[in-house]
Amino acid sequence: MSDIIHSAETATRQLRALFDQTPLQRNAYLSTRFGADIWLKREDLTPVRSYKIRGAFNAMRKVLEQTPEQEIFVCASAGNHAQGVAFACRHFGRRGVIFMPVTTPKQKIDKTNVFGGGMVEIRLIGDYFDHALSAAQDYCAEAGGHFLSPFDDADVIEGQASIAAEILDQLGHAPDMIVLPVGGGGLAAGLRGYFKARDLATEFRFVEPLGGASLTAALAKGAPVTLDSVDSFVDGAAVARLGERPFAALADVTPAQVYLAPEDRICVTMLEMLNAEGIVLEPAGALSVDVLTDLAEDIRGKSVVCVTSGGNFDFERLPEVKERAMRYSGQKKYFILRLPQRPGALREFLEMLGPEDDIARFEYLKKSARNFGSVLIGIETSESANFDALYQRMQDRGFQYRDITDDETLANVLV
């Protein structure tokens, strides 16, 4: 295990040719809210706005030290690893071929091209990361390229471990707890491995998106398994299968140390950090902050470092994030109203709305009967309790309705 200490500290020194240490900032807002000493390791402030540049640079550096004639580097990525590889390709003057899912946000695709500086070619393949991964590995074998895994690579893991070396240097002591997001597991394996090798008593907590719980599945099975389906919303951590090398480093993690973050709740956290702190986080970058609510009792009075792993957020997604956040907070609901087909019925319904209720969607559906019509209604309000009062008024006046907010099938079709 001592090898990871030497390798991570070497990577840390080498990275200074690209950028200074990312800030480790005490966050007064979160510290006060949770009664703890909470620090944010701002990996969203690297040149590519994610920690992925570390592993990509370190792996490419070590390959070129051993085989300087290597000309082509290949990777698959949902966006952040791609940007790190592109940046490293330009730095080392090597050609990169990058495979990304078709669903990758345009902002990440455009930034990858910019960071590559003409040294990279992007190929969009499949709907999920694993589809792009398979295509990248096939191409790599054909073209004689060197494949740079986003997480299942010892050199990549060592590069990510440089974050741990920086945290100790910046904080001056080992924190009581470090909270990490988990996708493929490279970041978690690197930081935990470094702290274990240093024999430090820091506790670790890991958080993964509810719709992409690859670490949870691997711990339950005793080996990495491929998830049947993945929710791609948290694109930076939505990985269907944990890496083999990361699992070897995380196999002794207990299930109690792993937390699952609902995608809609992550949206609440993203907006909170943006509005309260002016910090732009992508969904994966918000995971470590989002889980603090679940950790509230465990962290009170302790020093806690949350790694904010990325800030590559496409603001075209902001309306979706707001929508999901309001629905999770109970401030927005959709329902189908059975509206009597008589004069004054609509006015009667509108008069039942409270002073803080606002109609965000109103759409007549086909008539279900001669005397009644169905209406799709979306309402926003300031407090979730306002809906209880509205529903009671509707019942008192004989209006029939069906709340479809959490009905995934109906909501997807109608909303």
Protein backbone atom coordinates (compact mmCIF):
# COMPACT_ATOMS: atom_id res chain seq x y z
CA MET A 1 0.00 0.00 0.00
CA SER A 2 2.98 2.33 0.51
CA ASP A 3 3.33 2.43 -3.29
CA ILE A 4 0.19 4.53 -3.59
CA ILE A 5 1.67 7.14 -1.25
CA HIS A 6 4.77 7.55 -3.40
CA SER A 7 2.80 7.42 -6.66
CA ALA A 8 0.14 9.89 -5.52
CA GLU A 9 2.69 12.37 -4.22
CA THR A 10 4.70 12.08 -7.44
CA ALA A 11 1.50 12.69 -9.42
CA THR A 12 0.75 15.70 -7.23
CA ARG A 13 4.11 17.27 -8.01
CA GLN A 14 3.81 16.55 -11.72
CA LEU A 15 0.31 18.05 -11.86
CA ARG A 16 1.68 21.43 -10.83
CA ALA A 17 2.82 21.80 -14.44
CA LEU A 18 -0.88 22.00 -15.36
CA PHE A 19 -2.58 23.75 -12.43
CA ASP A 20 -2.21 24.76 -8.79
CA GLN A 21 -3.84 22.84 -5.96
CA THR A 22 -7.62 23.09 -6.13
CA PRO A 23 -8.99 25.11 -3.20
CA LEU A 24 -9.99 23.45 0.05
CA GLN A 25 -12.58 25.89 1.36
CA ARG A 26 -14.37 25.91 4.68
CA ASN A 27 -18.05 26.46 3.91
CA ALA A 28 -19.67 28.57 6.61
CA TYR A 29 -23.19 28.02 5.26
CA LEU A 30 -23.01 24.22 5.44
CA SER A 31 -20.98 24.25 8.68
CA THR A 32 -23.64 26.31 10.43
CA ARG A 33 -26.48 24.28 8.99
CA PHE A 34 -25.09 20.93 10.13
CA GLY A 35 -23.18 21.98 13.24
CA ALA A 36 -19.92 20.69 11.80
CA ASP A 37 -16.66 21.95 10.34
CA ILE A 38 -17.37 21.32 6.65
CA TRP A 39 -14.79 21.85 3.94
CA LEU A 40 -15.27 21.59 0.19
CA LYS A 41 -12.45 20.22 -1.93
CA ARG A 42 -13.25 22.18 -5.07
CA GLU A 43 -12.43 19.76 -7.89
CA ASP A 44 -15.01 21.70 -9.90
CA LEU A 45 -12.30 24.37 -10.21
CA THR A 46 -9.63 22.40 -12.11
CA PRO A 47 -8.92 23.60 -15.67
CA VAL A 48 -11.50 21.09 -16.95
CA ARG A 49 -13.88 21.65 -14.01
CA SER A 50 -13.56 18.09 -12.68
CA TYR A 51 -11.03 15.84 -10.93
CA LYS A 52 -10.77 13.60 -14.00
CA ILE A 53 -7.84 15.58 -15.35
CA ARG A 54 -5.68 14.10 -12.59
CA GLY A 55 -6.05 10.45 -13.51
CA ALA A 56 -5.93 11.10 -17.26
CA PHE A 57 -2.75 13.15 -16.99
CA ASN A 58 -1.02 10.71 -14.65
CA ALA A 59 -1.84 7.68 -16.78
CA MET A 60 -0.73 9.35 -20.01
CA ARG A 61 2.44 10.65 -18.36
CA LYS A 62 3.45 7.17 -17.20
CA VAL A 63 2.70 5.58 -20.57
CA LEU A 64 4.86 8.12 -22.38
CA GLU A 65 7.70 7.65 -19.90
CA GLN A 66 7.80 3.95 -20.81
CA THR A 67 6.81 4.13 -24.51
CA PRO A 68 7.45 7.68 -25.79
CA GLU A 69 6.58 6.58 -29.33
CA GLN A 70 2.91 6.01 -28.40
CA GLU A 71 0.89 8.33 -30.65
CA ILE A 72 -2.81 7.49 -30.14
CA PHE A 73 -4.74 7.51 -26.87
CA VAL A 74 -8.34 6.31 -26.75
CA CYS A 75 -10.99 6.71 -24.08
CA ALA A 76 -14.70 6.40 -23.41
CA SER A 77 -16.41 8.97 -21.23
CA ALA A 78 -19.69 10.60 -20.32
CA GLY A 79 -17.84 13.90 -20.47
CA ASN A 80 -15.43 14.69 -17.63
CA HIS A 81 -12.83 12.00 -18.31
CA ALA A 82 -13.01 13.01 -21.97
CA GLN A 83 -12.11 16.57 -21.08
CA GLY A 84 -9.24 15.43 -18.91
CA VAL A 85 -7.89 13.20 -21.70
CA ALA A 86 -8.31 16.00 -24.25
CA PHE A 87 -6.39 18.43 -22.02
CA ALA A 88 -3.61 15.88 -21.54
CA CYS A 89 -3.45 15.12 -25.27
CA ARG A 90 -2.87 18.77 -26.03
CA HIS A 91 -0.31 19.05 -23.22
CA PHE A 92 1.70 16.05 -24.45
CA GLY A 93 1.06 16.67 -28.15
CA ARG A 94 -0.60 13.31 -28.75
CA ARG A 95 -3.67 12.37 -30.79
CA GLY A 96 -6.79 11.36 -28.88
CA VAL A 97 -9.92 9.54 -30.06
CA ILE A 98 -12.75 9.97 -27.59
CA PHE A 99 -15.98 7.97 -27.53
CA MET A 100 -18.94 9.56 -25.75
CA PRO A 101 -22.61 8.55 -25.36
CA VAL A 102 -25.02 10.32 -27.70
CA THR A 103 -26.78 11.60 -24.55
CA THR A 104 -23.71 13.53 -23.35
CA PRO A 105 -24.61 17.20 -22.72
CA LYS A 106 -23.53 19.45 -25.59
CA GLN A 107 -21.63 21.65 -23.16
CA LYS A 108 -19.28 18.76 -22.32
CA ILE A 109 -18.80 17.84 -25.98
CA ASP A 110 -17.94 21.43 -26.93
CA LYS A 111 -15.54 21.83 -24.01
CA THR A 112 -13.79 18.57 -24.87
CA ASN A 113 -13.09 19.93 -28.35
CA VAL A 114 -11.79 23.19 -26.88
CA PHE A 115 -9.49 21.47 -24.39
CA GLY A 116 -8.17 19.15 -27.09
CA GLY A 117 -6.97 22.07 -29.15
CA GLY A 118 -7.27 20.16 -32.41
CA MET A 119 -5.59 17.02 -31.05
CA VAL A 120 -8.77 15.02 -30.43
CA GLU A 121 -11.56 13.42 -32.45
CA ILE A 122 -14.94 12.83 -30.78
CA ARG A 123 -17.21 9.94 -31.73
CA LEU A 124 -20.74 9.76 -30.27
CA ILE A 125 -21.85 6.16 -29.76
CA GLY A 126 -24.85 4.65 -27.90
CA ASP A 127 -27.15 5.93 -25.19
CA TYR A 128 -25.02 4.95 -22.17
CA PHE A 129 -21.40 5.02 -21.13
CA ASP A 130 -21.04 1.27 -21.43
CA HIS A 131 -21.99 1.39 -25.13
CA ALA A 132 -19.30 3.99 -25.77
CA LEU A 133 -16.84 1.94 -23.73
CA SER A 134 -17.30 -1.16 -25.87
CA ALA A 135 -16.86 0.83 -29.09
CA ALA A 136 -13.73 2.54 -27.74
CA GLN A 137 -12.10 -0.74 -26.78
CA ASP A 138 -12.85 -2.23 -30.21
CA TYR A 139 -11.36 0.79 -31.96
CA CYS A 140 -8.33 0.77 -29.70
CA ALA A 141 -7.50 -2.82 -30.66
CA GLU A 142 -7.85 -1.99 -34.36
CA ALA A 143 -5.85 1.25 -34.37
CA GLY A 144 -3.08 0.30 -31.97
CA GLY A 145 -4.06 3.01 -29.53
CA HIS A 146 -3.53 3.01 -25.77
CA PHE A 147 -6.82 2.81 -23.90
CA LEU A 148 -7.18 5.19 -20.97
CA SER A 149 -9.85 3.84 -18.65
CA PRO A 150 -11.83 6.48 -16.75
CA PHE A 151 -11.50 4.50 -13.51
CA ASP A 152 -10.37 0.88 -13.91
CA ASP A 153 -6.66 1.64 -14.22
CA ALA A 154 -3.97 1.69 -11.52
CA ASP A 155 -2.33 4.85 -12.90
CA VAL A 156 -5.67 6.65 -13.09
CA ILE A 157 -6.44 5.68 -9.50
CA GLU A 158 -3.03 6.97 -8.40
CA GLY A 159 -3.73 10.25 -10.17
CA GLN A 160 -7.03 10.67 -8.36
CA ALA A 161 -5.26 9.92 -5.07
CA SER A 162 -3.38 13.19 -5.51
CA ILE A 163 -6.52 14.83 -4.10
CA ALA A 164 -5.86 13.06 -0.80
CA ALA A 165 -2.29 14.34 -0.68
CA GLU A 166 -3.53 17.88 -1.29
CA ILE A 167 -6.23 17.64 1.40
CA LEU A 168 -3.68 16.67 4.06
CA ASP A 169 -1.31 19.41 2.95
CA GLN A 170 -4.00 22.09 2.90
CA LEU A 171 -5.89 21.11 6.05
CA GLY A 172 -2.74 20.38 8.05
CA HIS A 173 -4.29 17.31 9.68
CA ALA A 174 -6.48 14.36 8.80
CA PRO A 175 -10.20 15.25 8.81
CA ASP A 176 -12.65 13.17 10.81
CA MET A 177 -14.54 12.22 7.66
CA ILE A 178 -14.27 12.45 3.89
CA VAL A 179 -17.41 12.19 1.75
CA LEU A 180 -16.92 11.00 -1.82
CA PRO A 181 -19.12 10.45 -4.87
CA VAL A 182 -18.89 7.04 -6.55
CA GLY A 183 -19.36 6.23 -10.23
CA GLY A 184 -16.85 3.71 -11.53
CA GLY A 185 -14.95 3.86 -8.24
CA GLY A 186 -11.57 5.31 -9.26
CA LEU A 187 -11.84 8.43 -7.08
CA ALA A 188 -13.00 6.47 -4.03
CA ALA A 189 -10.32 3.82 -4.47
CA GLY A 190 -7.58 6.41 -4.81
CA LEU A 191 -8.44 8.58 -1.81
CA ARG A 192 -9.33 5.75 0.53
CA GLY A 193 -6.26 3.79 -0.51
CA TYR A 194 -3.99 6.76 0.23
CA PHE A 195 -5.46 7.37 3.68
CA LYS A 196 -5.30 3.66 4.54
CA ALA A 197 -1.66 3.51 3.46
CA ARG A 198 -0.93 6.47 5.72
CA ASP A 199 -2.72 4.62 8.54
CA LEU A 200 -4.98 7.58 9.26
CA ALA A 201 -8.20 7.25 11.23
CA THR A 202 -10.34 9.30 8.85
CA GLU A 203 -13.76 7.76 8.21
CA PHE A 204 -15.10 7.54 4.68
CA ARG A 205 -18.64 7.78 3.42
CA PHE A 206 -19.55 7.09 -0.18
CA VAL A 207 -22.57 8.33 -2.10
CA GLU A 208 -23.87 7.17 -5.45
CA PRO A 209 -26.98 8.09 -7.41
CA LEU A 210 -30.04 6.02 -6.64
CA GLY A 211 -30.39 5.18 -10.33
CA GLY A 212 -26.78 4.00 -10.68
CA ALA A 213 -25.84 2.17 -7.48
CA SER A 214 -22.96 0.09 -8.86
CA LEU A 215 -20.95 0.00 -5.60
CA THR A 216 -23.99 -1.06 -3.60
CA ALA A 217 -24.66 -3.88 -6.06
CA ALA A 218 -21.02 -4.99 -6.05
CA LEU A 219 -20.82 -5.12 -2.24
CA ALA A 220 -24.03 -7.16 -2.11
CA LYS A 221 -22.70 -9.65 -4.67
CA GLY A 222 -19.07 -9.69 -3.54
CA ALA A 223 -17.92 -8.69 -7.03
CA PRO A 224 -18.72 -6.04 -9.65
CA VAL A 225 -22.02 -6.69 -11.39
CA THR A 226 -23.68 -4.99 -14.33
CA LEU A 227 -26.84 -3.12 -13.42
CA ASP A 228 -29.91 -3.95 -15.52
CA SER A 229 -30.66 -0.26 -16.06
CA VAL A 230 -29.13 3.10 -15.21
CA ASP A 231 -30.70 6.52 -14.77
CA SER A 232 -28.40 8.76 -16.83
CA PHE A 233 -29.38 12.04 -15.13
CA VAL A 234 -26.27 12.01 -12.91
CA ASP A 235 -24.17 11.49 -16.02
CA GLY A 236 -20.81 11.90 -14.27
CA ALA A 237 -21.53 8.97 -11.94
CA ALA A 238 -24.14 6.90 -13.80
CA VAL A 239 -22.00 3.81 -14.41
CA ALA A 240 -23.59 0.40 -14.81
CA ARG A 241 -20.61 -1.55 -13.48
CA LEU A 242 -17.99 -0.71 -10.87
CA GLY A 243 -14.40 -1.18 -12.02
CA GLU A 244 -12.54 -4.34 -11.06
CA ARG A 245 -9.53 -2.49 -9.61
CA PRO A 246 -11.65 -0.02 -7.65
CA PHE A 247 -13.68 -2.88 -6.21
CA ALA A 248 -10.52 -4.63 -5.05
CA ALA A 249 -9.69 -1.47 -3.09
CA LEU A 250 -13.25 -1.03 -1.79
CA ALA A 251 -14.29 -4.63 -1.13
CA ASP A 252 -14.03 -4.20 2.64
CA VAL A 253 -16.34 -1.16 2.66
CA THR A 254 -19.49 -1.92 4.65
CA PRO A 255 -22.93 -1.26 3.13
CA ALA A 256 -23.59 1.15 6.00
CA GLN A 257 -20.86 3.41 4.63
CA VAL A 258 -22.59 3.76 1.25
CA TYR A 259 -25.50 6.13 0.73
CA LEU A 260 -27.89 6.53 -2.19
CA ALA A 261 -28.96 9.97 -3.38
CA PRO A 262 -32.31 10.32 -5.18
CA GLU A 263 -31.86 12.16 -8.46
CA ASP A 264 -34.60 14.71 -7.67
CA ARG A 265 -33.07 15.49 -4.28
CA ILE A 266 -29.72 16.14 -5.96
CA CYS A 267 -31.51 18.85 -7.96
CA VAL A 268 -32.53 20.53 -4.71
CA THR A 269 -28.89 20.52 -3.60
CA MET A 270 -27.64 21.89 -6.91
CA LEU A 271 -30.04 24.83 -6.70
CA GLU A 272 -29.25 25.42 -3.05
CA MET A 273 -25.50 25.61 -3.71
CA LEU A 274 -26.08 27.87 -6.71
CA ASN A 275 -28.47 30.26 -4.97
CA ALA A 276 -26.91 30.30 -1.50
CA GLU A 277 -23.22 30.00 -2.35
CA GLY A 278 -22.87 30.82 -6.04
CA ILE A 279 -21.27 27.41 -6.65
CA VAL A 280 -22.12 25.71 -9.94
CA LEU A 281 -22.12 21.93 -9.56
CA GLU A 282 -23.11 19.24 -12.02
CA PRO A 283 -25.30 16.44 -10.63
CA ALA A 284 -22.34 14.16 -9.83
CA GLY A 285 -20.46 17.10 -8.32
CA ALA A 286 -23.30 17.72 -5.87
CA LEU A 287 -23.46 14.15 -4.52
CA SER A 288 -21.12 14.64 -1.56
CA VAL A 289 -23.00 17.74 -0.40
CA ASP A 290 -26.42 16.22 -1.03
CA VAL A 291 -25.80 13.31 1.35
CA LEU A 292 -25.00 15.59 4.29
CA THR A 293 -28.69 15.54 5.16
CA ASP A 294 -28.48 11.78 5.70
CA LEU A 295 -25.22 12.14 7.64
CA ALA A 296 -26.42 14.98 9.90
CA GLU A 297 -26.30 13.00 13.15
CA ASP A 298 -22.93 11.41 12.36
CA ILE A 299 -21.07 14.59 11.44
CA ARG A 300 -22.16 16.98 14.17
CA GLY A 301 -19.07 18.52 15.76
CA LYS A 302 -16.68 16.82 13.32
CA SER A 303 -14.39 18.04 10.55
CA VAL A 304 -15.73 16.84 7.22
CA VAL A 305 -14.31 17.19 3.71
CA CYS A 306 -16.75 16.88 0.82
CA VAL A 307 -15.19 16.41 -2.60
CA THR A 308 -17.20 18.42 -5.12
CA SER A 309 -16.09 16.37 -8.07
CA GLY A 310 -17.30 18.43 -11.03
CA GLY A 311 -18.95 21.63 -12.21
CA ASN A 312 -19.62 20.93 -15.87
CA PHE A 313 -23.26 21.92 -15.81
CA ASP A 314 -25.09 22.81 -19.01
CA PHE A 315 -27.46 25.63 -18.06
CA GLU A 316 -29.87 24.47 -20.74
CA ARG A 317 -30.69 21.76 -18.18
CA LEU A 318 -31.60 24.31 -15.51
CA PRO A 319 -35.38 24.20 -16.19
CA GLU A 320 -35.30 20.42 -15.74
CA VAL A 321 -33.31 20.75 -12.53
CA LYS A 322 -35.77 23.31 -11.15
CA GLU A 323 -38.73 21.14 -12.13
CA ARG A 324 -37.30 18.05 -10.43
CA ALA A 325 -36.29 20.01 -7.34
CA MET A 326 -39.76 21.50 -6.89
CA ARG A 327 -41.42 18.13 -7.34
CA TYR A 328 -39.09 16.55 -4.76
CA SER A 329 -39.73 19.39 -2.31
CA GLY A 330 -43.49 19.03 -2.78
CA GLN A 331 -43.79 22.54 -4.21
CA LYS A 332 -45.02 21.40 -7.61
CA LYS A 333 -47.63 18.81 -8.44
CA TYR A 334 -49.46 17.56 -11.47
CA PHE A 335 -52.96 16.16 -11.34
CA ILE A 336 -55.82 15.30 -13.64
CA LEU A 337 -58.98 17.16 -12.69
CA ARG A 338 -62.43 15.86 -13.62
CA LEU A 339 -64.02 19.18 -14.52
CA PRO A 340 -67.83 19.46 -14.83
CA GLN A 341 -68.88 20.68 -18.29
CA ARG A 342 -71.09 23.50 -17.02
CA PRO A 343 -70.79 27.30 -17.01
CA GLY A 344 -68.76 28.60 -14.09
CA ALA A 345 -67.04 25.31 -13.24
CA LEU A 346 -63.57 26.54 -14.23
CA ARG A 347 -64.06 29.79 -12.34
CA GLU A 348 -65.14 27.82 -9.28
CA PHE A 349 -61.95 25.78 -9.44
CA LEU A 350 -59.75 28.86 -9.88
CA GLU A 351 -61.34 30.47 -6.83
CA MET A 352 -60.17 27.50 -4.75
CA LEU A 353 -56.52 28.30 -5.42
CA GLY A 354 -54.63 29.86 -2.54
CA PRO A 355 -52.75 33.18 -2.72
CA GLU A 356 -49.41 31.36 -3.19
CA ASP A 357 -50.66 28.81 -5.75
CA ASP A 358 -49.72 29.38 -9.37
CA ILE A 359 -50.91 27.43 -12.42
CA ALA A 360 -47.87 26.28 -14.40
CA ARG A 361 -49.69 23.94 -16.77
CA PHE A 362 -53.30 23.79 -17.94
CA GLU A 363 -54.36 21.49 -20.76
CA TYR A 364 -57.75 20.08 -21.69
CA LEU A 365 -57.62 16.38 -22.45
CA LYS A 366 -60.31 14.57 -24.38
CA LYS A 367 -63.77 14.48 -22.85
CA SER A 368 -64.25 11.38 -20.74
CA ALA A 369 -68.05 11.86 -20.57
CA ARG A 370 -70.72 14.20 -21.87
CA ASN A 371 -70.95 16.02 -18.55
CA PHE A 372 -67.29 15.99 -17.53
CA GLY A 373 -63.93 16.75 -19.11
CA SER A 374 -60.40 15.86 -17.99
CA VAL A 375 -57.88 18.62 -17.45
CA LEU A 376 -54.15 18.23 -16.87
CA ILE A 377 -53.08 20.82 -14.30
CA GLY A 378 -49.64 21.69 -12.96
CA ILE A 379 -49.49 23.89 -9.89
CA GLU A 380 -46.51 25.51 -8.17
CA THR A 381 -46.68 26.84 -4.65
CA SER A 382 -44.33 28.14 -1.96
CA GLU A 383 -45.03 25.47 0.68
CA SER A 384 -45.90 21.81 0.19
CA ALA A 385 -48.58 22.11 2.88
CA ASN A 386 -50.57 24.38 0.57
CA PHE A 387 -51.51 21.35 -1.50
CA ASP A 388 -53.18 19.67 1.45
CA ALA A 389 -55.41 22.70 1.86
CA LEU A 390 -56.16 22.86 -1.88
CA TYR A 391 -57.03 19.17 -2.09
CA GLN A 392 -59.34 19.51 0.90
CA ARG A 393 -61.17 22.42 -0.71
CA MET A 394 -61.55 20.42 -3.92
CA GLN A 395 -62.99 17.45 -2.04
CA ASP A 396 -65.35 19.67 -0.06
CA ARG A 397 -66.78 21.05 -3.30
CA GLY A 398 -67.03 17.69 -5.02
CA PHE A 399 -64.20 18.07 -7.54
CA GLN A 400 -62.58 14.74 -8.40
CA TYR A 401 -58.87 14.60 -9.18
CA ARG A 402 -55.94 12.23 -9.47
CA ASP A 403 -52.42 13.23 -8.41
CA ILE A 404 -50.02 11.92 -11.07
CA THR A 405 -46.85 13.66 -9.83
CA ASP A 406 -45.21 10.41 -8.78
CA ASP A 407 -46.84 8.23 -11.41
CA GLU A 408 -43.81 7.83 -13.68
CA THR A 409 -45.72 6.33 -16.58
CA LEU A 410 -48.51 8.91 -16.72
CA ALA A 411 -46.22 11.82 -15.93
CA ASN A 412 -43.85 10.87 -18.76
CA VAL A 413 -46.71 10.64 -21.24
CA LEU A 414 -48.72 13.68 -20.21
CA VAL A 415 -46.19 16.08 -18.71
